[in-house]
mmCIF file of all heavy atoms, coordinates in Angstrom:
data_MODEL
# 
_entry.id   MODEL 
# 
loop_
_atom_site.group_PDB 
_atom_site.id 
_atom_site.type_symbol 
_atom_site.label_atom_id 
_atom_site.label_alt_id 
_atom_site.label_comp_id 
_atom_site.label_asym_id 
_atom_site.label_entity_id 
_atom_site.label_seq_id 
_atom_site.pdbx_PDB_ins_code 
_atom_site.Cartn_x 
_atom_site.Cartn_y 
_atom_site.Cartn_z 
_atom_site.occupancy 
_atom_site.B_iso_or_equiv 
_atom_site.pdbx_formal_charge 
_atom_site.auth_seq_id 
_atom_site.auth_comp_id 
_atom_site.auth_asym_id 
_atom_site.auth_atom_id 
_atom_site.pdbx_PDB_model_num 
ATOM 1   N N   . LEU A 1 1  ? 418.219 -73.679 115.076 1.00 0.00 ? 1  LEU A N   1 
ATOM 2   C CA  . LEU A 1 1  ? 418.256 -72.950 116.309 1.00 0.00 ? 1  LEU A CA  1 
ATOM 3   C C   . LEU A 1 1  ? 416.902 -73.318 117.038 1.00 0.00 ? 1  LEU A C   1 
ATOM 4   O O   . LEU A 1 1  ? 416.746 -73.624 118.238 1.00 0.00 ? 1  LEU A O   1 
ATOM 5   C CB  . LEU A 1 1  ? 418.359 -71.469 116.133 1.00 0.00 ? 1  LEU A CB  1 
ATOM 6   C CG  . LEU A 1 1  ? 419.843 -71.033 115.891 1.00 0.00 ? 1  LEU A CG  1 
ATOM 7   C CD1 . LEU A 1 1  ? 419.683 -69.422 115.559 1.00 0.00 ? 1  LEU A CD1 1 
ATOM 8   C CD2 . LEU A 1 1  ? 420.716 -71.229 117.117 1.00 0.00 ? 1  LEU A CD2 1 
ATOM 9   N N   . GLU A 1 2  ? 415.885 -73.321 116.327 1.00 0.00 ? 2  GLU A N   1 
ATOM 10  C CA  . GLU A 1 2  ? 414.503 -73.446 117.028 1.00 0.00 ? 2  GLU A CA  1 
ATOM 11  C C   . GLU A 1 2  ? 414.278 -74.924 117.268 1.00 0.00 ? 2  GLU A C   1 
ATOM 12  O O   . GLU A 1 2  ? 413.598 -75.315 118.392 1.00 0.00 ? 2  GLU A O   1 
ATOM 13  C CB  . GLU A 1 2  ? 413.383 -72.984 116.120 1.00 0.00 ? 2  GLU A CB  1 
ATOM 14  C CG  . GLU A 1 2  ? 412.059 -72.934 116.763 1.00 0.00 ? 2  GLU A CG  1 
ATOM 15  C CD  . GLU A 1 2  ? 411.065 -71.946 116.026 1.00 0.00 ? 2  GLU A CD  1 
ATOM 16  O OE1 . GLU A 1 2  ? 411.404 -71.622 114.896 1.00 0.00 ? 2  GLU A OE1 1 
ATOM 17  O OE2 . GLU A 1 2  ? 409.960 -71.768 116.658 1.00 0.00 ? 2  GLU A OE2 1 
ATOM 18  N N   . HIS A 1 3  ? 414.787 -75.865 116.447 1.00 0.00 ? 3  HIS A N   1 
ATOM 19  C CA  . HIS A 1 3  ? 414.583 -77.371 116.716 1.00 0.00 ? 3  HIS A CA  1 
ATOM 20  C C   . HIS A 1 3  ? 415.845 -77.959 116.425 1.00 0.00 ? 3  HIS A C   1 
ATOM 21  O O   . HIS A 1 3  ? 415.953 -78.786 115.534 1.00 0.00 ? 3  HIS A O   1 
ATOM 22  C CB  . HIS A 1 3  ? 413.380 -77.859 115.831 1.00 0.00 ? 3  HIS A CB  1 
ATOM 23  C CG  . HIS A 1 3  ? 412.077 -77.272 116.095 1.00 0.00 ? 3  HIS A CG  1 
ATOM 24  N ND1 . HIS A 1 3  ? 411.376 -77.486 117.286 1.00 0.00 ? 3  HIS A ND1 1 
ATOM 25  C CD2 . HIS A 1 3  ? 411.235 -76.371 115.372 1.00 0.00 ? 3  HIS A CD2 1 
ATOM 26  C CE1 . HIS A 1 3  ? 410.228 -76.813 117.212 1.00 0.00 ? 3  HIS A CE1 1 
ATOM 27  N NE2 . HIS A 1 3  ? 410.175 -76.162 116.083 1.00 0.00 ? 3  HIS A NE2 1 
ATOM 28  N N   . SER A 1 4  ? 416.827 -77.756 117.369 1.00 0.00 ? 4  SER A N   1 
ATOM 29  C CA  . SER A 1 4  ? 418.226 -78.294 117.006 1.00 0.00 ? 4  SER A CA  1 
ATOM 30  C C   . SER A 1 4  ? 418.267 -79.778 116.996 1.00 0.00 ? 4  SER A C   1 
ATOM 31  O O   . SER A 1 4  ? 418.948 -80.361 116.165 1.00 0.00 ? 4  SER A O   1 
ATOM 32  C CB  . SER A 1 4  ? 419.217 -77.665 118.103 1.00 0.00 ? 4  SER A CB  1 
ATOM 33  O OG  . SER A 1 4  ? 418.791 -77.929 119.356 1.00 0.00 ? 4  SER A OG  1 
ATOM 34  N N   . ASP A 1 5  ? 417.697 -80.429 118.016 1.00 0.00 ? 5  ASP A N   1 
ATOM 35  C CA  . ASP A 1 5  ? 417.748 -81.917 118.130 1.00 0.00 ? 5  ASP A CA  1 
ATOM 36  C C   . ASP A 1 5  ? 417.243 -82.550 116.789 1.00 0.00 ? 5  ASP A C   1 
ATOM 37  O O   . ASP A 1 5  ? 417.743 -83.397 116.274 1.00 0.00 ? 5  ASP A O   1 
ATOM 38  C CB  . ASP A 1 5  ? 417.018 -82.459 119.282 1.00 0.00 ? 5  ASP A CB  1 
ATOM 39  C CG  . ASP A 1 5  ? 417.891 -82.137 120.586 1.00 0.00 ? 5  ASP A CG  1 
ATOM 40  O OD1 . ASP A 1 5  ? 419.044 -81.870 120.464 1.00 0.00 ? 5  ASP A OD1 1 
ATOM 41  O OD2 . ASP A 1 5  ? 417.255 -82.223 121.646 1.00 0.00 ? 5  ASP A OD2 1 
ATOM 42  N N   . ARG A 1 6  ? 416.002 -82.084 116.478 1.00 0.00 ? 6  ARG A N   1 
ATOM 43  C CA  . ARG A 1 6  ? 415.315 -82.625 115.353 1.00 0.00 ? 6  ARG A CA  1 
ATOM 44  C C   . ARG A 1 6  ? 416.079 -82.350 113.991 1.00 0.00 ? 6  ARG A C   1 
ATOM 45  O O   . ARG A 1 6  ? 416.261 -83.349 113.153 1.00 0.00 ? 6  ARG A O   1 
ATOM 46  C CB  . ARG A 1 6  ? 413.867 -82.043 115.146 1.00 0.00 ? 6  ARG A CB  1 
ATOM 47  C CG  . ARG A 1 6  ? 413.033 -82.707 114.144 1.00 0.00 ? 6  ARG A CG  1 
ATOM 48  C CD  . ARG A 1 6  ? 411.841 -81.949 113.649 1.00 0.00 ? 6  ARG A CD  1 
ATOM 49  N NE  . ARG A 1 6  ? 411.073 -81.394 114.922 1.00 0.00 ? 6  ARG A NE  1 
ATOM 50  C CZ  . ARG A 1 6  ? 410.099 -80.546 114.933 1.00 0.00 ? 6  ARG A CZ  1 
ATOM 51  N NH1 . ARG A 1 6  ? 409.769 -79.941 113.680 1.00 0.00 ? 6  ARG A NH1 1 
ATOM 52  N NH2 . ARG A 1 6  ? 409.431 -80.303 115.995 1.00 0.00 ? 6  ARG A NH2 1 
ATOM 53  N N   . THR A 1 7  ? 416.631 -81.147 113.873 1.00 0.00 ? 7  THR A N   1 
ATOM 54  C CA  . THR A 1 7  ? 417.341 -80.836 112.712 1.00 0.00 ? 7  THR A CA  1 
ATOM 55  C C   . THR A 1 7  ? 418.606 -81.706 112.683 1.00 0.00 ? 7  THR A C   1 
ATOM 56  O O   . THR A 1 7  ? 418.932 -82.320 111.543 1.00 0.00 ? 7  THR A O   1 
ATOM 57  C CB  . THR A 1 7  ? 417.867 -79.290 112.869 1.00 0.00 ? 7  THR A CB  1 
ATOM 58  O OG1 . THR A 1 7  ? 416.742 -78.467 112.870 1.00 0.00 ? 7  THR A OG1 1 
ATOM 59  C CG2 . THR A 1 7  ? 418.651 -78.936 111.500 1.00 0.00 ? 7  THR A CG2 1 
ATOM 60  N N   . ALA A 1 8  ? 419.375 -81.835 113.653 1.00 0.00 ? 8  ALA A N   1 
ATOM 61  C CA  . ALA A 1 8  ? 420.563 -82.736 113.660 1.00 0.00 ? 8  ALA A CA  1 
ATOM 62  C C   . ALA A 1 8  ? 420.218 -84.125 113.249 1.00 0.00 ? 8  ALA A C   1 
ATOM 63  O O   . ALA A 1 8  ? 420.863 -84.736 112.495 1.00 0.00 ? 8  ALA A O   1 
ATOM 64  C CB  . ALA A 1 8  ? 421.223 -82.659 114.873 1.00 0.00 ? 8  ALA A CB  1 
ATOM 65  N N   . GLU A 1 9  ? 419.169 -84.540 113.975 1.00 0.00 ? 9  GLU A N   1 
ATOM 66  C CA  . GLU A 1 9  ? 418.725 -86.080 113.663 1.00 0.00 ? 9  GLU A CA  1 
ATOM 67  C C   . GLU A 1 9  ? 418.423 -86.308 112.161 1.00 0.00 ? 9  GLU A C   1 
ATOM 68  O O   . GLU A 1 9  ? 418.816 -87.280 111.554 1.00 0.00 ? 9  GLU A O   1 
ATOM 69  C CB  . GLU A 1 9  ? 417.579 -86.407 114.502 1.00 0.00 ? 9  GLU A CB  1 
ATOM 70  C CG  . GLU A 1 9  ? 417.915 -86.657 116.008 1.00 0.00 ? 9  GLU A CG  1 
ATOM 71  C CD  . GLU A 1 9  ? 416.750 -86.687 116.873 1.00 0.00 ? 9  GLU A CD  1 
ATOM 72  O OE1 . GLU A 1 9  ? 415.591 -86.758 116.300 1.00 0.00 ? 9  GLU A OE1 1 
ATOM 73  O OE2 . GLU A 1 9  ? 416.799 -86.796 118.074 1.00 0.00 ? 9  GLU A OE2 1 
ATOM 74  N N   . ARG A 1 10 ? 417.687 -85.285 111.558 1.00 0.00 ? 10 ARG A N   1 
ATOM 75  C CA  . ARG A 1 10 ? 417.251 -85.454 110.198 1.00 0.00 ? 10 ARG A CA  1 
ATOM 76  C C   . ARG A 1 10 ? 418.349 -85.325 109.264 1.00 0.00 ? 10 ARG A C   1 
ATOM 77  O O   . ARG A 1 10 ? 418.433 -85.917 108.235 1.00 0.00 ? 10 ARG A O   1 
ATOM 78  C CB  . ARG A 1 10 ? 416.176 -84.396 109.942 1.00 0.00 ? 10 ARG A CB  1 
ATOM 79  C CG  . ARG A 1 10 ? 414.858 -84.625 110.814 1.00 0.00 ? 10 ARG A CG  1 
ATOM 80  C CD  . ARG A 1 10 ? 414.152 -85.964 110.231 1.00 0.00 ? 10 ARG A CD  1 
ATOM 81  N NE  . ARG A 1 10 ? 413.641 -85.895 108.956 1.00 0.00 ? 10 ARG A NE  1 
ATOM 82  C CZ  . ARG A 1 10 ? 414.077 -86.815 108.055 1.00 0.00 ? 10 ARG A CZ  1 
ATOM 83  N NH1 . ARG A 1 10 ? 414.958 -87.671 108.429 1.00 0.00 ? 10 ARG A NH1 1 
ATOM 84  N NH2 . ARG A 1 10 ? 413.527 -86.919 106.864 1.00 0.00 ? 10 ARG A NH2 1 
ATOM 85  N N   . LEU A 1 11 ? 419.391 -84.431 109.551 1.00 0.00 ? 11 LEU A N   1 
ATOM 86  C CA  . LEU A 1 11 ? 420.440 -84.236 108.740 1.00 0.00 ? 11 LEU A CA  1 
ATOM 87  C C   . LEU A 1 11 ? 421.361 -85.471 108.714 1.00 0.00 ? 11 LEU A C   1 
ATOM 88  O O   . LEU A 1 11 ? 421.842 -85.825 107.627 1.00 0.00 ? 11 LEU A O   1 
ATOM 89  C CB  . LEU A 1 11 ? 421.300 -82.997 109.189 1.00 0.00 ? 11 LEU A CB  1 
ATOM 90  C CG  . LEU A 1 11 ? 420.651 -81.616 108.977 1.00 0.00 ? 11 LEU A CG  1 
ATOM 91  C CD1 . LEU A 1 11 ? 421.651 -80.499 109.359 1.00 0.00 ? 11 LEU A CD1 1 
ATOM 92  C CD2 . LEU A 1 11 ? 420.253 -81.448 107.514 1.00 0.00 ? 11 LEU A CD2 1 
ATOM 93  N N   . VAL A 1 12 ? 421.542 -86.015 109.941 1.00 0.00 ? 12 VAL A N   1 
ATOM 94  C CA  . VAL A 1 12 ? 422.404 -87.234 110.015 1.00 0.00 ? 12 VAL A CA  1 
ATOM 95  C C   . VAL A 1 12 ? 421.744 -88.307 109.224 1.00 0.00 ? 12 VAL A C   1 
ATOM 96  O O   . VAL A 1 12 ? 422.359 -89.084 108.493 1.00 0.00 ? 12 VAL A O   1 
ATOM 97  C CB  . VAL A 1 12 ? 422.524 -87.554 111.563 1.00 0.00 ? 12 VAL A CB  1 
ATOM 98  C CG1 . VAL A 1 12 ? 423.060 -89.099 111.568 1.00 0.00 ? 12 VAL A CG1 1 
ATOM 99  C CG2 . VAL A 1 12 ? 423.496 -86.646 112.147 1.00 0.00 ? 12 VAL A CG2 1 
ATOM 100 N N   . GLU A 1 13 ? 420.336 -88.554 109.340 1.00 0.00 ? 13 GLU A N   1 
ATOM 101 C CA  . GLU A 1 13 ? 419.741 -89.601 108.576 1.00 0.00 ? 13 GLU A CA  1 
ATOM 102 C C   . GLU A 1 13 ? 419.832 -89.363 107.106 1.00 0.00 ? 13 GLU A C   1 
ATOM 103 O O   . GLU A 1 13 ? 420.190 -90.327 106.343 1.00 0.00 ? 13 GLU A O   1 
ATOM 104 C CB  . GLU A 1 13 ? 418.314 -89.523 109.017 1.00 0.00 ? 13 GLU A CB  1 
ATOM 105 C CG  . GLU A 1 13 ? 417.991 -90.123 110.472 1.00 0.00 ? 13 GLU A CG  1 
ATOM 106 C CD  . GLU A 1 13 ? 416.506 -89.890 110.804 1.00 0.00 ? 13 GLU A CD  1 
ATOM 107 O OE1 . GLU A 1 13 ? 415.690 -89.422 109.925 1.00 0.00 ? 13 GLU A OE1 1 
ATOM 108 O OE2 . GLU A 1 13 ? 416.113 -90.079 111.981 1.00 0.00 ? 13 GLU A OE2 1 
ATOM 109 N N   . PHE A 1 14 ? 419.612 -88.135 106.622 1.00 0.00 ? 14 PHE A N   1 
ATOM 110 C CA  . PHE A 1 14 ? 419.703 -87.807 105.231 1.00 0.00 ? 14 PHE A CA  1 
ATOM 111 C C   . PHE A 1 14 ? 421.070 -88.103 104.619 1.00 0.00 ? 14 PHE A C   1 
ATOM 112 O O   . PHE A 1 14 ? 421.204 -88.833 103.490 1.00 0.00 ? 14 PHE A O   1 
ATOM 113 C CB  . PHE A 1 14 ? 419.204 -86.456 104.915 1.00 0.00 ? 14 PHE A CB  1 
ATOM 114 C CG  . PHE A 1 14 ? 419.502 -86.066 103.483 1.00 0.00 ? 14 PHE A CG  1 
ATOM 115 C CD1 . PHE A 1 14 ? 418.816 -86.544 102.432 1.00 0.00 ? 14 PHE A CD1 1 
ATOM 116 C CD2 . PHE A 1 14 ? 420.530 -85.154 103.215 1.00 0.00 ? 14 PHE A CD2 1 
ATOM 117 C CE1 . PHE A 1 14 ? 419.204 -86.015 101.068 1.00 0.00 ? 14 PHE A CE1 1 
ATOM 118 C CE2 . PHE A 1 14 ? 420.764 -84.651 102.018 1.00 0.00 ? 14 PHE A CE2 1 
ATOM 119 C CZ  . PHE A 1 14 ? 420.115 -85.166 100.999 1.00 0.00 ? 14 PHE A CZ  1 
ATOM 120 N N   . PHE A 1 15 ? 422.016 -87.442 105.281 1.00 0.00 ? 15 PHE A N   1 
ATOM 121 C CA  . PHE A 1 15 ? 423.386 -87.615 104.781 1.00 0.00 ? 15 PHE A CA  1 
ATOM 122 C C   . PHE A 1 15 ? 423.960 -89.031 104.823 1.00 0.00 ? 15 PHE A C   1 
ATOM 123 O O   . PHE A 1 15 ? 424.672 -89.441 103.871 1.00 0.00 ? 15 PHE A O   1 
ATOM 124 C CB  . PHE A 1 15 ? 424.367 -86.624 105.488 1.00 0.00 ? 15 PHE A CB  1 
ATOM 125 C CG  . PHE A 1 15 ? 424.203 -85.216 105.137 1.00 0.00 ? 15 PHE A CG  1 
ATOM 126 C CD1 . PHE A 1 15 ? 424.130 -84.240 106.165 1.00 0.00 ? 15 PHE A CD1 1 
ATOM 127 C CD2 . PHE A 1 15 ? 424.206 -84.793 103.753 1.00 0.00 ? 15 PHE A CD2 1 
ATOM 128 C CE1 . PHE A 1 15 ? 424.054 -82.929 105.779 1.00 0.00 ? 15 PHE A CE1 1 
ATOM 129 C CE2 . PHE A 1 15 ? 424.103 -83.469 103.470 1.00 0.00 ? 15 PHE A CE2 1 
ATOM 130 C CZ  . PHE A 1 15 ? 423.890 -82.561 104.406 1.00 0.00 ? 15 PHE A CZ  1 
ATOM 131 N N   . ALA A 1 16 ? 423.600 -89.791 105.811 1.00 0.00 ? 16 ALA A N   1 
ATOM 132 C CA  . ALA A 1 16 ? 423.982 -91.160 105.845 1.00 0.00 ? 16 ALA A CA  1 
ATOM 133 C C   . ALA A 1 16 ? 423.421 -91.958 104.669 1.00 0.00 ? 16 ALA A C   1 
ATOM 134 O O   . ALA A 1 16 ? 424.142 -92.678 104.053 1.00 0.00 ? 16 ALA A O   1 
ATOM 135 C CB  . ALA A 1 16 ? 423.484 -91.814 107.201 1.00 0.00 ? 16 ALA A CB  1 
ATOM 136 N N   . ASP A 1 17 ? 422.167 -91.757 104.418 1.00 0.00 ? 17 ASP A N   1 
ATOM 137 C CA  . ASP A 1 17 ? 421.543 -92.346 103.229 1.00 0.00 ? 17 ASP A CA  1 
ATOM 138 C C   . ASP A 1 17 ? 422.214 -91.962 101.894 1.00 0.00 ? 17 ASP A C   1 
ATOM 139 O O   . ASP A 1 17 ? 422.478 -92.712 100.974 1.00 0.00 ? 17 ASP A O   1 
ATOM 140 C CB  . ASP A 1 17 ? 420.037 -92.061 103.138 1.00 0.00 ? 17 ASP A CB  1 
ATOM 141 C CG  . ASP A 1 17 ? 419.250 -92.780 104.185 1.00 0.00 ? 17 ASP A CG  1 
ATOM 142 O OD1 . ASP A 1 17 ? 419.848 -93.733 104.800 1.00 0.00 ? 17 ASP A OD1 1 
ATOM 143 O OD2 . ASP A 1 17 ? 418.105 -92.377 104.541 1.00 0.00 ? 17 ASP A OD2 1 
ATOM 144 N N   . ALA A 1 18 ? 422.581 -90.588 101.867 1.00 0.00 ? 18 ALA A N   1 
ATOM 145 C CA  . ALA A 1 18 ? 423.043 -90.209 100.601 1.00 0.00 ? 18 ALA A CA  1 
ATOM 146 C C   . ALA A 1 18 ? 424.502 -90.655 100.312 1.00 0.00 ? 18 ALA A C   1 
ATOM 147 O O   . ALA A 1 18 ? 424.867 -91.026 99.312  1.00 0.00 ? 18 ALA A O   1 
ATOM 148 C CB  . ALA A 1 18 ? 423.173 -88.473 100.658 1.00 0.00 ? 18 ALA A CB  1 
ATOM 149 N N   . VAL A 1 19 ? 425.244 -90.757 101.528 1.00 0.00 ? 19 VAL A N   1 
ATOM 150 C CA  . VAL A 1 19 ? 426.642 -91.316 101.425 1.00 0.00 ? 19 VAL A CA  1 
ATOM 151 C C   . VAL A 1 19 ? 426.618 -92.765 101.072 1.00 0.00 ? 19 VAL A C   1 
ATOM 152 O O   . VAL A 1 19 ? 427.290 -93.176 100.180 1.00 0.00 ? 19 VAL A O   1 
ATOM 153 C CB  . VAL A 1 19 ? 427.443 -91.121 102.606 1.00 0.00 ? 19 VAL A CB  1 
ATOM 154 C CG1 . VAL A 1 19 ? 428.712 -91.900 102.701 1.00 0.00 ? 19 VAL A CG1 1 
ATOM 155 C CG2 . VAL A 1 19 ? 427.727 -89.616 102.979 1.00 0.00 ? 19 VAL A CG2 1 
ATOM 156 N N   . ASP A 1 20 ? 425.682 -93.497 101.708 1.00 0.00 ? 20 ASP A N   1 
ATOM 157 C CA  . ASP A 1 20 ? 425.577 -94.989 101.380 1.00 0.00 ? 20 ASP A CA  1 
ATOM 158 C C   . ASP A 1 20 ? 425.174 -95.103 99.833  1.00 0.00 ? 20 ASP A C   1 
ATOM 159 O O   . ASP A 1 20 ? 425.733 -96.034 99.229  1.00 0.00 ? 20 ASP A O   1 
ATOM 160 C CB  . ASP A 1 20 ? 424.585 -95.642 102.205 1.00 0.00 ? 20 ASP A CB  1 
ATOM 161 C CG  . ASP A 1 20 ? 424.986 -95.778 103.748 1.00 0.00 ? 20 ASP A CG  1 
ATOM 162 O OD1 . ASP A 1 20 ? 426.374 -95.725 103.894 1.00 0.00 ? 20 ASP A OD1 1 
ATOM 163 O OD2 . ASP A 1 20 ? 424.276 -95.979 104.594 1.00 0.00 ? 20 ASP A OD2 1 
ATOM 164 N N   . SER A 1 21 ? 424.234 -94.336 99.375  1.00 0.00 ? 21 SER A N   1 
ATOM 165 C CA  . SER A 1 21 ? 423.797 -94.524 97.999  1.00 0.00 ? 21 SER A CA  1 
ATOM 166 C C   . SER A 1 21 ? 424.978 -94.088 97.041  1.00 0.00 ? 21 SER A C   1 
ATOM 167 O O   . SER A 1 21 ? 425.087 -94.746 96.014  1.00 0.00 ? 21 SER A O   1 
ATOM 168 C CB  . SER A 1 21 ? 422.578 -93.476 97.757  1.00 0.00 ? 21 SER A CB  1 
ATOM 169 O OG  . SER A 1 21 ? 421.467 -93.816 98.575  1.00 0.00 ? 21 SER A OG  1 
ATOM 170 N N   . GLY A 1 22 ? 425.725 -93.101 97.518  1.00 0.00 ? 22 GLY A N   1 
ATOM 171 C CA  . GLY A 1 22 ? 426.867 -92.760 96.598  1.00 0.00 ? 22 GLY A CA  1 
ATOM 172 C C   . GLY A 1 22 ? 427.870 -93.807 96.479  1.00 0.00 ? 22 GLY A C   1 
ATOM 173 O O   . GLY A 1 22 ? 428.474 -94.197 95.506  1.00 0.00 ? 22 GLY A O   1 
ATOM 174 N N   . ARG A 1 23 ? 428.170 -94.521 97.593  1.00 0.00 ? 23 ARG A N   1 
ATOM 175 C CA  . ARG A 1 23 ? 429.100 -95.630 97.695  1.00 0.00 ? 23 ARG A CA  1 
ATOM 176 C C   . ARG A 1 23 ? 428.587 -96.745 96.880  1.00 0.00 ? 23 ARG A C   1 
ATOM 177 O O   . ARG A 1 23 ? 429.346 -97.475 95.998  1.00 0.00 ? 23 ARG A O   1 
ATOM 178 C CB  . ARG A 1 23 ? 429.374 -96.062 99.075  1.00 0.00 ? 23 ARG A CB  1 
ATOM 179 C CG  . ARG A 1 23 ? 430.194 -95.095 99.889  1.00 0.00 ? 23 ARG A CG  1 
ATOM 180 C CD  . ARG A 1 23 ? 430.188 -95.476 101.475 1.00 0.00 ? 23 ARG A CD  1 
ATOM 181 N NE  . ARG A 1 23 ? 431.120 -94.569 102.135 1.00 0.00 ? 23 ARG A NE  1 
ATOM 182 C CZ  . ARG A 1 23 ? 431.023 -94.472 103.398 1.00 0.00 ? 23 ARG A CZ  1 
ATOM 183 N NH1 . ARG A 1 23 ? 430.161 -95.177 104.071 1.00 0.00 ? 23 ARG A NH1 1 
ATOM 184 N NH2 . ARG A 1 23 ? 431.758 -93.612 104.078 1.00 0.00 ? 23 ARG A NH2 1 
ATOM 185 N N   . SER A 1 24 ? 427.273 -97.033 96.829  1.00 0.00 ? 24 SER A N   1 
ATOM 186 C CA  . SER A 1 24 ? 426.684 -98.100 96.138  1.00 0.00 ? 24 SER A CA  1 
ATOM 187 C C   . SER A 1 24 ? 426.812 -97.864 94.622  1.00 0.00 ? 24 SER A C   1 
ATOM 188 O O   . SER A 1 24 ? 427.055 -98.760 93.762  1.00 0.00 ? 24 SER A O   1 
ATOM 189 C CB  . SER A 1 24 ? 425.223 -98.329 96.571  1.00 0.00 ? 24 SER A CB  1 
ATOM 190 O OG  . SER A 1 24 ? 425.110 -98.691 97.922  1.00 0.00 ? 24 SER A OG  1 
ATOM 191 N N   . ALA A 1 25 ? 426.534 -96.510 94.211  1.00 0.00 ? 25 ALA A N   1 
ATOM 192 C CA  . ALA A 1 25 ? 426.552 -96.139 92.901  1.00 0.00 ? 25 ALA A CA  1 
ATOM 193 C C   . ALA A 1 25 ? 428.051 -96.317 92.352  1.00 0.00 ? 25 ALA A C   1 
ATOM 194 O O   . ALA A 1 25 ? 428.223 -96.716 91.211  1.00 0.00 ? 25 ALA A O   1 
ATOM 195 C CB  . ALA A 1 25 ? 426.093 -94.797 92.698  1.00 0.00 ? 25 ALA A CB  1 
# 
C-alpha cells in the first residue's frame, strides 16, 4: 500500500527468477 509500484516491481522480478530457476532445475 505504501510503495505499491516498488512492491509490484520487486515481486515480479523475484518470482520471474524463481520460476526460471525452477524450470531449469
